[in-house]
Amino acid sequence: TESANSVEVGPSGTVVVLSSRDEKFMHGLWALVNEKHPNIELVVDYGKDSGYLDRLGVEKDSPVADLYLSKASGPLESAANSGLFAPVPQKLADRVPTRFQGSDNQWVGLSARARVLVRRKGLQTPPNTLEDLTQPARAGTVARTVATNSSFVGGVTAYIADHGEEKAREWLTGLQSNTKGNVHPKHTPAVAAVAEGQADVALVNHYY
């Protein structure tokens, strides 16, 4: 029989985390983990999804990392399809809406972002859809980030999931034609291009 004075200590040990999410955005989450589970030691490595996918593949038979946090669903689905993940426990997966889960509980989303159109004021025929960005009449008026930007990759991944590869290829071809001269390294200068009249519309994340 347990003593009346016994105290449940909770989980303990070391948890190794691979995070492609920038360190400055993760402090709040780690503080919450430390508060809820003071006996867990977090070892967090920050890097890029491409490097982590290679590492997880190399360590597949003798995994070192316990958790992998990515900024986009594409790398997670790629790792899941390669058999690099153990399923998320069902009781945890049940707390996440189905549309934010990978197949067979291979991964779950912790947060979400929306891709939005930032439009210049006063446009007579403002674009309202992603397909509007590819219209020939919008040549040279659309701003976006470079294709290697993780959010852009994530957006294309979602487009493929919704419309298929052939439709996505057509859309990307049209977008490329209309963004010549307005491709930026990050979202902020893409928004600035609209504000300064260098573009009519920009495709960016909602928080910019």
N, C-alpha and C. Protein backbone atom coordinates (compact mmCIF):
# COMPACT_ATOMS: atom_id res chain seq x y z
N THR A 1 0.84 -1.19 0.00
CA THR A 1 0.00 0.00 0.00
C THR A 1 0.87 1.23 0.00
N GLU A 2 0.49 2.22 -0.84
CA GLU A 2 1.30 3.43 -0.90
C GLU A 2 1.13 4.25 0.36
N SER A 3 2.20 4.92 0.73
CA SER A 3 2.16 5.78 1.90
C SER A 3 1.26 6.98 1.63
N ALA A 4 0.58 7.45 2.65
CA ALA A 4 -0.29 8.61 2.50
C ALA A 4 0.50 9.85 2.15
N ASN A 5 1.79 9.83 2.45
CA ASN A 5 2.64 10.99 2.19
C ASN A 5 3.38 10.90 0.86
N SER A 6 3.13 9.81 0.08
CA SER A 6 3.85 9.65 -1.17
C SER A 6 3.40 10.72 -2.16
N VAL A 7 4.36 11.16 -2.99
CA VAL A 7 4.09 12.21 -3.97
C VAL A 7 4.43 11.67 -5.36
N GLU A 8 3.51 11.87 -6.29
CA GLU A 8 3.76 11.44 -7.66
C GLU A 8 4.78 12.37 -8.30
N VAL A 9 5.90 11.83 -8.73
CA VAL A 9 6.98 12.66 -9.25
C VAL A 9 6.83 12.92 -10.75
N GLY A 10 6.01 12.13 -11.44
CA GLY A 10 5.82 12.35 -12.87
C GLY A 10 6.97 11.81 -13.68
N PRO A 11 6.93 12.03 -14.99
CA PRO A 11 7.97 11.51 -15.89
C PRO A 11 9.31 12.17 -15.62
N SER A 12 10.37 11.43 -15.88
CA SER A 12 11.72 11.97 -15.68
C SER A 12 12.63 11.42 -16.76
N GLY A 13 13.82 11.99 -16.86
CA GLY A 13 14.78 11.54 -17.84
C GLY A 13 15.12 12.63 -18.84
N THR A 14 15.87 12.26 -19.86
CA THR A 14 16.31 13.20 -20.88
C THR A 14 15.50 13.02 -22.15
N VAL A 15 15.05 14.13 -22.74
CA VAL A 15 14.31 14.12 -24.00
C VAL A 15 15.10 14.93 -25.02
N VAL A 16 15.51 14.28 -26.10
CA VAL A 16 16.27 14.94 -27.16
C VAL A 16 15.32 15.42 -28.24
N VAL A 17 15.37 16.71 -28.54
CA VAL A 17 14.45 17.32 -29.49
C VAL A 17 15.22 17.91 -30.66
N LEU A 18 14.76 17.63 -31.88
CA LEU A 18 15.27 18.28 -33.09
C LEU A 18 14.25 19.32 -33.51
N SER A 19 14.65 20.58 -33.63
CA SER A 19 13.70 21.64 -33.93
C SER A 19 14.19 22.49 -35.09
N SER A 20 13.39 22.53 -36.18
CA SER A 20 13.70 23.45 -37.26
C SER A 20 12.99 24.78 -37.03
N ARG A 21 12.18 24.86 -35.99
CA ARG A 21 11.58 26.12 -35.57
C ARG A 21 12.64 26.92 -34.85
N ASP A 22 12.79 28.21 -35.19
CA ASP A 22 13.85 29.04 -34.64
C ASP A 22 13.80 29.08 -33.11
N GLU A 23 14.98 29.13 -32.51
CA GLU A 23 15.09 29.09 -31.05
C GLU A 23 14.29 30.18 -30.36
N LYS A 24 14.28 31.40 -30.92
CA LYS A 24 13.61 32.52 -30.26
C LYS A 24 12.11 32.32 -30.12
N PHE A 25 11.53 31.43 -30.94
CA PHE A 25 10.11 31.18 -30.86
C PHE A 25 9.75 30.03 -29.92
N MET A 26 10.75 29.34 -29.40
CA MET A 26 10.49 28.11 -28.65
C MET A 26 10.61 28.27 -27.14
N HIS A 27 11.11 29.42 -26.66
CA HIS A 27 11.36 29.57 -25.23
C HIS A 27 10.10 29.35 -24.40
N GLY A 28 8.97 29.88 -24.86
CA GLY A 28 7.73 29.74 -24.09
C GLY A 28 7.30 28.30 -23.94
N LEU A 29 7.44 27.51 -25.00
CA LEU A 29 7.05 26.10 -24.95
C LEU A 29 7.94 25.33 -23.99
N TRP A 30 9.25 25.55 -24.07
CA TRP A 30 10.16 24.83 -23.19
C TRP A 30 9.95 25.24 -21.74
N ALA A 31 9.64 26.51 -21.49
CA ALA A 31 9.36 26.95 -20.13
C ALA A 31 8.13 26.24 -19.58
N LEU A 32 7.12 26.04 -20.42
CA LEU A 32 5.91 25.33 -19.99
C LEU A 32 6.22 23.88 -19.67
N VAL A 33 7.05 23.24 -20.52
CA VAL A 33 7.43 21.85 -20.26
C VAL A 33 8.18 21.75 -18.94
N ASN A 34 9.11 22.66 -18.71
CA ASN A 34 9.89 22.63 -17.46
C ASN A 34 8.99 22.86 -16.24
N GLU A 35 7.97 23.68 -16.42
CA GLU A 35 7.05 23.94 -15.31
C GLU A 35 6.20 22.72 -15.00
N LYS A 36 5.70 22.07 -16.05
CA LYS A 36 4.81 20.93 -15.85
C LYS A 36 5.56 19.66 -15.49
N HIS A 37 6.79 19.53 -16.01
CA HIS A 37 7.56 18.30 -15.81
C HIS A 37 9.00 18.66 -15.41
N PRO A 38 9.19 19.10 -14.19
CA PRO A 38 10.51 19.56 -13.75
C PRO A 38 11.59 18.49 -13.74
N ASN A 39 11.21 17.22 -13.79
CA ASN A 39 12.20 16.15 -13.74
C ASN A 39 12.64 15.70 -15.13
N ILE A 40 12.15 16.38 -16.16
CA ILE A 40 12.58 16.08 -17.52
C ILE A 40 13.67 17.08 -17.94
N GLU A 41 14.75 16.54 -18.47
CA GLU A 41 15.83 17.38 -19.00
C GLU A 41 15.69 17.45 -20.52
N LEU A 42 15.52 18.66 -21.03
CA LEU A 42 15.38 18.85 -22.46
C LEU A 42 16.74 19.14 -23.09
N VAL A 43 17.06 18.41 -24.15
CA VAL A 43 18.26 18.67 -24.95
C VAL A 43 17.76 19.02 -26.35
N VAL A 44 17.86 20.30 -26.71
CA VAL A 44 17.26 20.78 -27.96
C VAL A 44 18.34 21.16 -28.97
N ASP A 45 18.21 20.62 -30.17
CA ASP A 45 19.12 20.95 -31.27
C ASP A 45 18.32 21.73 -32.31
N TYR A 46 18.85 22.87 -32.76
CA TYR A 46 18.17 23.70 -33.75
C TYR A 46 18.90 23.59 -35.09
N GLY A 47 18.11 23.41 -36.15
CA GLY A 47 18.74 23.27 -37.46
C GLY A 47 17.71 23.34 -38.57
N LYS A 48 18.03 22.72 -39.71
CA LYS A 48 17.19 22.75 -40.90
C LYS A 48 16.53 21.39 -41.12
N ASP A 49 15.35 21.44 -41.73
CA ASP A 49 14.61 20.20 -41.99
C ASP A 49 15.40 19.23 -42.86
N SER A 50 16.08 19.76 -43.88
CA SER A 50 16.81 18.86 -44.79
C SER A 50 17.87 18.06 -44.04
N GLY A 51 18.60 18.73 -43.16
CA GLY A 51 19.62 18.04 -42.37
C GLY A 51 19.01 17.04 -41.41
N TYR A 52 17.88 17.40 -40.82
CA TYR A 52 17.24 16.48 -39.88
C TYR A 52 16.69 15.24 -40.57
N LEU A 53 16.16 15.40 -41.77
CA LEU A 53 15.67 14.23 -42.50
C LEU A 53 16.81 13.26 -42.79
N ASP A 54 17.98 13.80 -43.16
CA ASP A 54 19.15 12.95 -43.39
C ASP A 54 19.57 12.26 -42.09
N ARG A 55 19.58 13.03 -41.01
CA ARG A 55 20.01 12.47 -39.71
C ARG A 55 19.06 11.37 -39.25
N LEU A 56 17.76 11.62 -39.37
CA LEU A 56 16.79 10.61 -38.95
C LEU A 56 16.92 9.33 -39.77
N GLY A 57 17.25 9.49 -41.06
CA GLY A 57 17.45 8.32 -41.91
C GLY A 57 18.66 7.52 -41.48
N VAL A 58 19.75 8.22 -41.17
CA VAL A 58 20.97 7.54 -40.73
C VAL A 58 20.75 6.82 -39.40
N GLU A 59 20.00 7.46 -38.50
CA GLU A 59 19.78 6.91 -37.16
C GLU A 59 18.53 6.03 -37.07
N LYS A 60 17.98 5.64 -38.21
CA LYS A 60 16.70 4.94 -38.22
C LYS A 60 16.69 3.70 -37.33
N ASP A 61 17.75 2.91 -37.37
CA ASP A 61 17.78 1.66 -36.61
C ASP A 61 18.23 1.86 -35.17
N SER A 62 18.86 3.01 -34.89
CA SER A 62 19.30 3.32 -33.52
C SER A 62 19.03 4.79 -33.25
N PRO A 63 17.77 5.17 -33.12
CA PRO A 63 17.41 6.58 -32.99
C PRO A 63 17.97 7.22 -31.72
N VAL A 64 18.43 8.46 -31.89
CA VAL A 64 18.93 9.25 -30.77
C VAL A 64 17.88 10.27 -30.33
N ALA A 65 17.23 10.90 -31.30
CA ALA A 65 16.23 11.93 -31.00
C ALA A 65 14.91 11.31 -30.57
N ASP A 66 14.23 11.99 -29.66
CA ASP A 66 12.91 11.54 -29.20
C ASP A 66 11.78 12.27 -29.93
N LEU A 67 11.99 13.55 -30.22
CA LEU A 67 10.96 14.36 -30.86
C LEU A 67 11.56 15.16 -32.02
N TYR A 68 10.74 15.38 -33.04
CA TYR A 68 11.16 16.20 -34.19
C TYR A 68 10.08 17.25 -34.40
N LEU A 69 10.45 18.52 -34.31
CA LEU A 69 9.53 19.63 -34.53
C LEU A 69 9.91 20.34 -35.81
N SER A 70 8.98 20.42 -36.75
CA SER A 70 9.23 21.08 -38.02
C SER A 70 8.32 22.29 -38.19
N LYS A 71 8.71 23.20 -39.07
CA LYS A 71 7.88 24.36 -39.36
C LYS A 71 6.82 24.06 -40.41
N ALA A 72 6.87 22.91 -41.03
CA ALA A 72 5.96 22.61 -42.13
C ALA A 72 5.59 21.13 -42.13
N SER A 73 4.45 20.84 -42.74
CA SER A 73 3.98 19.46 -42.78
C SER A 73 4.71 18.62 -43.81
N GLY A 74 5.27 19.25 -44.84
CA GLY A 74 5.95 18.51 -45.89
C GLY A 74 7.07 17.62 -45.39
N PRO A 75 8.04 18.18 -44.62
CA PRO A 75 9.11 17.33 -44.08
C PRO A 75 8.60 16.23 -43.17
N LEU A 76 7.55 16.53 -42.39
CA LEU A 76 7.00 15.51 -41.51
C LEU A 76 6.41 14.36 -42.30
N GLU A 77 5.66 14.68 -43.36
CA GLU A 77 5.05 13.63 -44.17
C GLU A 77 6.12 12.83 -44.89
N SER A 78 7.20 13.50 -45.32
CA SER A 78 8.30 12.80 -45.98
C SER A 78 8.95 11.81 -45.02
N ALA A 79 9.20 12.25 -43.79
CA ALA A 79 9.79 11.35 -42.80
C ALA A 79 8.85 10.20 -42.45
N ALA A 80 7.56 10.50 -42.36
CA ALA A 80 6.58 9.45 -42.06
C ALA A 80 6.55 8.40 -43.16
N ASN A 81 6.57 8.86 -44.41
CA ASN A 81 6.54 7.93 -45.55
C ASN A 81 7.80 7.08 -45.62
N SER A 82 8.88 7.57 -45.03
CA SER A 82 10.14 6.82 -45.01
C SER A 82 10.24 5.90 -43.80
N GLY A 83 9.18 5.85 -43.00
CA GLY A 83 9.17 4.96 -41.83
C GLY A 83 10.07 5.41 -40.70
N LEU A 84 10.23 6.72 -40.54
CA LEU A 84 11.16 7.22 -39.53
C LEU A 84 10.49 7.57 -38.21
N PHE A 85 9.16 7.50 -38.15
CA PHE A 85 8.43 7.90 -36.95
C PHE A 85 7.75 6.72 -36.28
N ALA A 86 7.62 6.83 -34.97
CA ALA A 86 6.71 5.96 -34.22
C ALA A 86 5.39 6.70 -34.08
N PRO A 87 4.26 6.01 -34.10
CA PRO A 87 2.96 6.68 -34.02
C PRO A 87 2.81 7.49 -32.73
N VAL A 88 2.13 8.61 -32.84
CA VAL A 88 1.78 9.40 -31.66
C VAL A 88 0.73 8.63 -30.86
N PRO A 89 0.87 8.53 -29.54
CA PRO A 89 -0.14 7.81 -28.75
C PRO A 89 -1.55 8.33 -29.05
N GLN A 90 -2.50 7.43 -29.14
CA GLN A 90 -3.85 7.78 -29.55
C GLN A 90 -4.47 8.84 -28.63
N LYS A 91 -4.21 8.75 -27.33
CA LYS A 91 -4.83 9.70 -26.41
C LYS A 91 -4.33 11.13 -26.65
N LEU A 92 -3.13 11.26 -27.21
CA LEU A 92 -2.63 12.59 -27.57
C LEU A 92 -3.18 13.02 -28.94
N ALA A 93 -3.21 12.08 -29.88
CA ALA A 93 -3.72 12.40 -31.21
C ALA A 93 -5.18 12.83 -31.15
N ASP A 94 -5.94 12.26 -30.22
CA ASP A 94 -7.36 12.58 -30.10
C ASP A 94 -7.59 14.04 -29.69
N ARG A 95 -6.56 14.69 -29.18
CA ARG A 95 -6.69 16.08 -28.75
C ARG A 95 -6.44 17.06 -29.89
N VAL A 96 -6.08 16.53 -31.07
CA VAL A 96 -5.75 17.37 -32.22
C VAL A 96 -6.77 17.12 -33.32
N PRO A 97 -7.35 18.17 -33.93
CA PRO A 97 -8.30 17.97 -35.03
C PRO A 97 -7.69 17.11 -36.14
N THR A 98 -8.51 16.27 -36.73
CA THR A 98 -8.04 15.32 -37.74
C THR A 98 -7.30 16.01 -38.88
N ARG A 99 -7.75 17.19 -39.29
CA ARG A 99 -7.11 17.87 -40.43
C ARG A 99 -5.70 18.34 -40.11
N PHE A 100 -5.31 18.29 -38.84
CA PHE A 100 -3.96 18.66 -38.46
C PHE A 100 -3.14 17.44 -38.03
N GLN A 101 -3.50 16.27 -38.55
CA GLN A 101 -2.80 15.04 -38.25
C GLN A 101 -2.27 14.39 -39.52
N GLY A 102 -1.13 13.73 -39.39
CA GLY A 102 -0.63 12.92 -40.48
C GLY A 102 -1.36 11.58 -40.50
N SER A 103 -1.17 10.83 -41.54
CA SER A 103 -1.83 9.53 -41.63
C SER A 103 -1.30 8.57 -40.56
N ASP A 104 -2.20 7.75 -40.04
CA ASP A 104 -1.84 6.72 -39.05
C ASP A 104 -1.16 7.29 -37.82
N ASN A 105 -1.54 8.52 -37.43
CA ASN A 105 -0.99 9.14 -36.21
C ASN A 105 0.53 9.30 -36.26
N GLN A 106 1.10 9.43 -37.46
CA GLN A 106 2.55 9.55 -37.56
C GLN A 106 3.06 10.90 -37.06
N TRP A 107 2.22 11.92 -37.15
CA TRP A 107 2.59 13.24 -36.60
C TRP A 107 1.32 14.04 -36.37
N VAL A 108 1.43 15.07 -35.54
CA VAL A 108 0.31 15.98 -35.30
C VAL A 108 0.83 17.41 -35.35
N GLY A 109 -0.07 18.34 -35.67
CA GLY A 109 0.28 19.74 -35.70
C GLY A 109 0.17 20.38 -34.33
N LEU A 110 1.08 21.29 -34.03
CA LEU A 110 1.04 22.05 -32.77
C LEU A 110 0.50 23.45 -32.98
N SER A 111 0.66 23.99 -34.18
CA SER A 111 0.17 25.32 -34.50
C SER A 111 -0.11 25.36 -35.99
N ALA A 112 -0.78 26.41 -36.43
CA ALA A 112 -1.12 26.53 -37.85
C ALA A 112 -0.88 27.95 -38.33
N ARG A 113 -0.62 28.09 -39.61
CA ARG A 113 -0.50 29.41 -40.22
C ARG A 113 -1.32 29.44 -41.50
N ALA A 114 -1.73 30.62 -41.88
CA ALA A 114 -2.50 30.79 -43.11
C ALA A 114 -1.66 31.54 -44.13
N ARG A 115 -1.83 31.17 -45.39
CA ARG A 115 -1.22 31.90 -46.49
C ARG A 115 -2.24 32.90 -47.00
N VAL A 116 -1.87 34.17 -47.04
CA VAL A 116 -2.83 35.22 -47.37
C VAL A 116 -2.29 36.11 -48.49
N LEU A 117 -3.20 36.89 -49.08
CA LEU A 117 -2.84 37.85 -50.11
C LEU A 117 -2.86 39.25 -49.52
N VAL A 118 -1.72 39.93 -49.60
CA VAL A 118 -1.63 41.33 -49.20
C VAL A 118 -1.78 42.17 -50.46
N ARG A 119 -2.83 42.99 -50.52
CA ARG A 119 -3.15 43.70 -51.75
C ARG A 119 -2.96 45.21 -51.60
N ARG A 120 -2.56 45.84 -52.69
CA ARG A 120 -2.42 47.30 -52.71
C ARG A 120 -3.80 47.94 -52.77
N LYS A 121 -3.97 49.02 -52.03
CA LYS A 121 -5.24 49.72 -52.00
C LYS A 121 -5.57 50.30 -53.38
N GLY A 122 -6.85 50.33 -53.67
CA GLY A 122 -7.30 51.00 -54.88
C GLY A 122 -7.29 50.17 -56.14
N LEU A 123 -6.99 48.88 -56.06
CA LEU A 123 -7.00 48.04 -57.25
C LEU A 123 -8.43 47.89 -57.77
N GLN A 124 -8.61 48.09 -59.06
CA GLN A 124 -9.95 47.96 -59.64
C GLN A 124 -10.42 46.51 -59.68
N THR A 125 -9.50 45.61 -59.95
CA THR A 125 -9.84 44.18 -59.97
C THR A 125 -8.85 43.44 -59.07
N PRO A 126 -9.04 43.53 -57.75
CA PRO A 126 -8.09 42.90 -56.83
C PRO A 126 -8.15 41.39 -56.91
N PRO A 127 -7.01 40.70 -56.78
CA PRO A 127 -7.00 39.24 -56.77
C PRO A 127 -7.57 38.71 -55.46
N ASN A 128 -8.34 37.65 -55.56
CA ASN A 128 -8.98 37.08 -54.37
C ASN A 128 -8.62 35.62 -54.13
N THR A 129 -8.02 34.98 -55.11
CA THR A 129 -7.69 33.56 -54.99
C THR A 129 -6.26 33.32 -55.45
N LEU A 130 -5.74 32.15 -55.12
CA LEU A 130 -4.40 31.80 -55.60
C LEU A 130 -4.37 31.73 -57.12
N GLU A 131 -5.45 31.27 -57.71
CA GLU A 131 -5.50 31.16 -59.17
C GLU A 131 -5.44 32.54 -59.83
N ASP A 132 -5.98 33.56 -59.14
CA ASP A 132 -5.92 34.92 -59.68
C ASP A 132 -4.48 35.39 -59.87
N LEU A 133 -3.56 34.87 -59.07
CA LEU A 133 -2.16 35.30 -59.16
C LEU A 133 -1.50 34.86 -60.45
N THR A 134 -2.08 33.90 -61.12
CA THR A 134 -1.45 33.35 -62.33
C THR A 134 -2.05 33.92 -63.62
N GLN A 135 -3.02 34.82 -63.51
CA GLN A 135 -3.62 35.38 -64.71
C GLN A 135 -2.61 36.21 -65.49
N PRO A 136 -2.57 36.10 -66.83
CA PRO A 136 -1.61 36.84 -67.64
C PRO A 136 -1.63 38.35 -67.39
N ALA A 137 -2.79 38.88 -67.04
CA ALA A 137 -2.92 40.32 -66.81
C ALA A 137 -2.13 40.77 -65.60
N ARG A 138 -1.71 39.84 -64.74
CA ARG A 138 -0.97 40.22 -63.52
C ARG A 138 0.54 40.04 -63.68
N ALA A 139 1.00 39.91 -64.88
CA ALA A 139 2.44 39.76 -65.12
C ALA A 139 3.22 40.91 -64.50
N GLY A 140 4.21 40.56 -63.69
CA GLY A 140 5.08 41.56 -63.07
C GLY A 140 4.49 42.29 -61.88
N THR A 141 3.31 41.88 -61.41
CA THR A 141 2.65 42.61 -60.32
C THR A 141 2.55 41.81 -59.03
N VAL A 142 3.06 40.58 -59.03
CA VAL A 142 2.92 39.69 -57.87
C VAL A 142 4.28 39.52 -57.18
N ALA A 143 4.28 39.67 -55.85
CA ALA A 143 5.49 39.48 -55.06
C ALA A 143 5.37 38.22 -54.21
N ARG A 144 6.50 37.56 -53.98
CA ARG A 144 6.52 36.35 -53.15
C ARG A 144 7.92 36.15 -52.61
N THR A 145 8.08 35.14 -51.76
CA THR A 145 9.40 34.77 -51.27
C THR A 145 10.07 33.81 -52.24
N VAL A 146 11.35 33.55 -52.00
CA VAL A 146 12.07 32.58 -52.82
C VAL A 146 11.45 31.20 -52.64
N ALA A 147 11.63 30.35 -53.64
CA ALA A 147 10.99 29.03 -53.62
C ALA A 147 11.52 28.13 -52.52
N THR A 148 12.71 28.42 -52.00
CA THR A 148 13.28 27.58 -50.93
C THR A 148 12.79 27.99 -49.55
N ASN A 149 12.03 29.07 -49.45
CA ASN A 149 11.48 29.49 -48.16
C ASN A 149 10.56 28.38 -47.63
N SER A 150 10.71 28.03 -46.37
CA SER A 150 9.97 26.88 -45.83
C SER A 150 8.46 27.10 -45.89
N SER A 151 8.01 28.33 -45.73
CA SER A 151 6.57 28.60 -45.80
C SER A 151 6.06 28.45 -47.23
N PHE A 152 6.87 28.87 -48.19
CA PHE A 152 6.48 28.70 -49.59
C PHE A 152 6.39 27.22 -49.93
N VAL A 153 7.38 26.45 -49.47
CA VAL A 153 7.37 25.00 -49.70
C VAL A 153 6.14 24.38 -49.06
N GLY A 154 5.83 24.80 -47.83
CA GLY A 154 4.65 24.27 -47.16
C GLY A 154 3.36 24.61 -47.90
N GLY A 155 3.29 25.83 -48.44
CA GLY A 155 2.11 26.22 -49.19
C GLY A 155 1.94 25.40 -50.46
N VAL A 156 3.05 25.14 -51.15
CA VAL A 156 3.00 24.32 -52.35
C VAL A 156 2.60 22.89 -52.00
N THR A 157 3.11 22.40 -50.89
CA THR A 157 2.74 21.05 -50.44
C THR A 157 1.24 20.95 -50.22
N ALA A 158 0.66 21.97 -49.59
CA ALA A 158 -0.78 21.98 -49.35
C ALA A 158 -1.55 22.07 -50.67
N TYR A 159 -1.03 22.85 -51.61
CA TYR A 159 -1.69 22.99 -52.91
C TYR A 159 -1.70 21.65 -53.65
N ILE A 160 -0.58 20.95 -53.58
CA ILE A 160 -0.51 19.63 -54.22
C ILE A 160 -1.52 18.67 -53.59
N ALA A 161 -1.61 18.73 -52.25
CA ALA A 161 -2.54 17.84 -51.54
C ALA A 161 -3.98 18.13 -51.95
N ASP A 162 -4.30 19.40 -52.21
CA ASP A 162 -5.67 19.79 -52.54
C ASP A 162 -5.99 19.60 -54.03
N HIS A 163 -5.00 19.82 -54.90
CA HIS A 163 -5.30 19.89 -56.33
C HIS A 163 -4.53 18.89 -57.20
N GLY A 164 -3.53 18.23 -56.64
CA GLY A 164 -2.75 17.28 -57.42
C GLY A 164 -1.52 17.92 -58.05
N GLU A 165 -0.56 17.09 -58.45
CA GLU A 165 0.72 17.58 -58.95
C GLU A 165 0.60 18.33 -60.27
N GLU A 166 -0.24 17.84 -61.18
CA GLU A 166 -0.35 18.49 -62.49
C GLU A 166 -0.89 19.91 -62.35
N LYS A 167 -1.95 20.07 -61.58
CA LYS A 167 -2.52 21.40 -61.35
C LYS A 167 -1.53 22.30 -60.64
N ALA A 168 -0.79 21.75 -59.68
CA ALA A 168 0.20 22.53 -58.95
C ALA A 168 1.32 23.00 -59.87
N ARG A 169 1.72 22.13 -60.79
CA ARG A 169 2.76 22.50 -61.74
C ARG A 169 2.30 23.67 -62.63
N GLU A 170 1.05 23.62 -63.07
CA GLU A 170 0.50 24.70 -63.88
C GLU A 170 0.45 26.00 -63.09
N TRP A 171 0.03 25.89 -61.83
CA TRP A 171 -0.06 27.08 -60.99
C TRP A 171 1.32 27.70 -60.75
N LEU A 172 2.31 26.87 -60.45
CA LEU A 172 3.66 27.37 -60.21
C LEU A 172 4.25 28.03 -61.46
N THR A 173 3.95 27.47 -62.62
CA THR A 173 4.43 28.04 -63.87
C THR A 173 3.85 29.44 -64.07
N GLY A 174 2.56 29.58 -63.85
CA GLY A 174 1.92 30.88 -63.97
C GLY A 174 2.42 31.87 -62.94
N LEU A 175 2.63 31.40 -61.72
CA LEU A 175 3.13 32.27 -60.66
C LEU A 175 4.53 32.76 -60.98
N GLN A 176 5.38 31.87 -61.48
CA GLN A 176 6.74 32.24 -61.84
C GLN A 176 6.75 33.33 -62.90
N SER A 177 5.85 33.23 -63.86
CA SER A 177 5.78 34.23 -64.92
C SER A 177 5.38 35.61 -64.38
N ASN A 178 4.56 35.63 -63.35
CA ASN A 178 4.04 36.89 -62.84
C ASN A 178 4.86 37.49 -61.71
N THR A 179 5.86 36.76 -61.20
CA THR A 179 6.66 37.28 -60.08
C THR A 179 8.09 37.63 -60.48
N LYS A 180 8.37 37.64 -61.75
CA LYS A 180 9.72 38.01 -62.20
C LYS A 180 10.03 39.43 -61.74
N GLY A 181 11.16 39.58 -61.05
CA GLY A 181 11.54 40.88 -60.53
C GLY A 181 10.99 41.19 -59.17
N ASN A 182 10.13 40.33 -58.64
CA ASN A 182 9.53 40.57 -57.32
C ASN A 182 9.62 39.35 -56.42
N VAL A 183 10.72 38.63 -56.51
CA VAL A 183 10.98 37.48 -55.65
C VAL A 183 11.93 37.93 -54.54
N HIS A 184 11.53 37.75 -53.29
CA HIS A 184 12.26 38.30 -52.16
C HIS A 184 12.74 37.19 -51.21
N PRO A 185 13.81 37.45 -50.46
CA PRO A 185 14.34 36.41 -49.57
C PRO A 185 13.42 36.10 -48.40
N LYS A 186 12.59 37.08 -47.98
CA LYS A 186 11.71 36.87 -46.84
C LYS A 186 10.36 37.54 -47.10
N HIS A 187 9.43 37.35 -46.15
CA HIS A 187 8.08 37.88 -46.31
C HIS A 187 8.03 39.40 -46.16
N THR A 188 8.78 39.94 -45.21
CA THR A 188 8.70 41.37 -44.94
C THR A 188 8.98 42.23 -46.16
N PRO A 189 10.05 41.98 -46.93
CA PRO A 189 10.26 42.79 -48.14
C PRO A 189 9.20 42.56 -49.21
N ALA A 190 8.56 41.39 -49.21
CA ALA A 190 7.47 41.15 -50.16
C ALA A 190 6.28 42.04 -49.82
N VAL A 191 5.98 42.16 -48.54
CA VAL A 191 4.91 43.06 -48.09
C VAL A 191 5.28 44.50 -48.40
N ALA A 192 6.56 44.86 -48.16
CA ALA A 192 7.02 46.23 -48.43
C ALA A 192 6.90 46.58 -49.90
N ALA A 193 7.11 45.59 -50.78
CA ALA A 193 6.99 45.84 -52.22
C ALA A 193 5.58 46.30 -52.57
N VAL A 194 4.57 45.73 -51.90
CA VAL A 194 3.18 46.15 -52.13
C VAL A 194 2.96 47.54 -51.55
N ALA A 195 3.44 47.75 -50.33
CA ALA A 195 3.24 49.05 -49.69
C ALA A 195 3.90 50.19 -50.46
N GLU A 196 5.01 49.90 -51.13
CA GLU A 196 5.76 50.91 -51.86
C GLU A 196 5.36 51.01 -53.33
N GLY A 197 4.36 50.20 -53.74
CA GLY A 197 3.86 50.29 -55.10
C GLY A 197 4.66 49.52 -56.13
N GLN A 198 5.60 48.67 -55.68
CA GLN A 198 6.38 47.87 -56.61
C GLN A 198 5.63 46.62 -57.07
N ALA A 199 4.58 46.27 -56.34
CA ALA A 199 3.75 45.11 -56.67
C ALA A 199 2.32 45.40 -56.25
N ASP A 200 1.38 44.72 -56.88
CA ASP A 200 -0.03 44.88 -56.52
C ASP A 200 -0.46 43.94 -55.41
N VAL A 201 0.21 42.79 -55.33
CA VAL A 201 -0.19 41.78 -54.37
C VAL A 201 1.01 40.94 -53.99
N ALA A 202 1.00 40.43 -52.75
CA ALA A 202 2.06 39.54 -52.27
C ALA A 202 1.44 38.33 -51.60
N LEU A 203 2.06 37.20 -51.79
CA LEU A 203 1.63 35.94 -51.15
C LEU A 203 2.54 35.71 -49.95
N VAL A 204 1.99 35.82 -48.73
CA VAL A 204 2.80 35.76 -47.52
C VAL A 204 2.04 35.02 -46.42
N ASN A 205 2.69 34.81 -45.28
CA ASN A 205 2.04 34.26 -44.11
C ASN A 205 1.20 35.34 -43.42
N HIS A 206 0.14 34.92 -42.73
CA HIS A 206 -0.82 35.88 -42.20
C HIS A 206 -0.23 36.84 -41.17
N TYR A 207 0.80 36.41 -40.42
CA TYR A 207 1.30 37.26 -39.35
C TYR A 207 2.24 38.35 -39.81
N TYR A 208 2.49 38.44 -41.12
CA TYR A 208 3.27 39.53 -41.66
C TYR A 208 2.37 40.66 -42.13
